Amino acid sequence: MAGLVEQGADQLANFAQTLRNSDARTMLAQVEDFARRQPVLFTGAAVALGFALTRAAGMTATATARPAGTRQEGLPHEYR
């Protein structure tokens, strides 16, 4: 398991370097290559990213729906 995490970290570092040095077409080709070489890791990363973006969007929507300083009393924490 540790080897898989280390490999993922290395790939992420390589991807960050690519972002700094490449154009969009080159980056897309490298992402496709990574997805072919590491389909499980790529799928897991895509799911994690989707989950994180969904949570962030939900928090942003909740924060903008209520005026600042208002509270919802009587509801359990997960329903506020």
Protein backbone atom coordinates (compact mmCIF):
# COMPACT_ATOMS: atom_id res chain seq x y z
CA MET A 1 0.00 0.00 0.00
CA ALA A 2 2.81 2.41 0.87
CA GLY A 3 4.38 1.78 -2.52
CA LEU A 4 1.14 2.68 -4.26
CA VAL A 5 0.85 5.91 -2.29
CA GLU A 6 4.48 6.77 -3.06
CA GLN A 7 3.91 6.04 -6.74
CA GLY A 8 0.84 8.28 -6.71
CA ALA A 9 2.80 11.06 -5.03
CA ASP A 10 5.53 10.77 -7.65
CA GLN A 11 2.97 10.93 -10.44
CA LEU A 12 1.37 13.98 -8.84
CA ALA A 13 4.77 15.69 -8.64
CA ASN A 14 5.39 14.88 -12.30
CA PHE A 15 1.96 16.26 -13.18
CA ALA A 16 2.67 19.49 -11.28
CA GLN A 17 5.92 19.91 -13.21
CA THR A 18 4.03 19.29 -16.45
CA LEU A 19 1.50 22.00 -15.56
CA ARG A 20 4.33 24.47 -15.20
CA ASN A 21 6.08 23.57 -18.46
CA SER A 22 3.50 22.36 -21.00
CA ASP A 23 0.65 23.50 -23.19
CA ALA A 24 -2.89 22.06 -23.01
CA ARG A 25 -2.42 19.52 -25.82
CA THR A 26 0.71 18.06 -24.23
CA MET A 27 -0.94 17.90 -20.81
CA LEU A 28 -3.98 16.08 -22.19
CA ALA A 29 -1.74 13.51 -23.89
CA GLN A 30 0.14 12.92 -20.64
CA VAL A 31 -3.08 12.56 -18.61
CA GLU A 32 -4.35 10.03 -21.16
CA ASP A 33 -1.07 8.13 -20.95
CA PHE A 34 -1.23 8.07 -17.16
CA ALA A 35 -4.84 6.83 -17.27
CA ARG A 36 -3.78 3.98 -19.54
CA ARG A 37 -0.79 3.02 -17.38
CA GLN A 38 -2.52 3.39 -13.99
CA PRO A 39 -6.28 3.01 -14.53
CA VAL A 40 -7.10 2.18 -10.90
CA LEU A 41 -5.11 5.10 -9.51
CA PHE A 42 -6.51 7.45 -12.14
CA THR A 43 -10.09 6.38 -11.39
CA GLY A 44 -9.54 6.73 -7.65
CA ALA A 45 -8.06 10.19 -8.11
CA ALA A 46 -10.97 11.22 -10.34
CA VAL A 47 -13.50 9.99 -7.76
CA ALA A 48 -11.66 11.76 -4.93
CA LEU A 49 -11.47 14.99 -6.93
CA GLY A 50 -15.16 14.77 -7.81
CA PHE A 51 -16.06 14.20 -4.17
CA ALA A 52 -13.92 17.12 -3.03
CA LEU A 53 -15.36 19.46 -5.65
CA THR A 54 -18.91 18.44 -4.76
CA ARG A 55 -18.26 19.07 -1.05
CA ALA A 56 -16.66 22.44 -1.80
CA ALA A 57 -19.55 23.46 -4.04
CA GLY A 58 -22.05 22.40 -1.37
CA MET A 59 -20.28 24.41 1.31
CA THR A 60 -20.12 27.45 -0.95
CA ALA A 61 -23.83 27.18 -1.79
CA THR A 62 -24.73 26.82 1.89
CA ALA A 63 -22.55 29.75 2.91
CA THR A 64 -24.06 32.05 0.27
CA ALA A 65 -27.65 30.98 1.00
CA ARG A 66 -27.61 32.33 4.58
CA PRO A 67 -26.80 35.89 5.59
CA ALA A 68 -23.61 36.21 7.60
CA GLY A 69 -24.06 35.78 11.34
CA THR A 70 -27.35 33.84 11.18
CA ARG A 71 -27.76 30.54 13.00
CA GLN A 72 -30.19 27.68 12.64
CA GLU A 73 -31.11 26.55 16.14
CA GLY A 74 -32.56 23.16 16.95
CA LEU A 75 -31.14 21.21 14.02
CA PRO A 76 -28.40 18.60 14.33
CA HIS A 77 -25.02 19.81 13.03
CA GLU A 78 -25.22 17.85 9.77
CA TYR A 79 -28.51 19.58 8.82
CA ARG A 80 -27.31 23.16 9.33
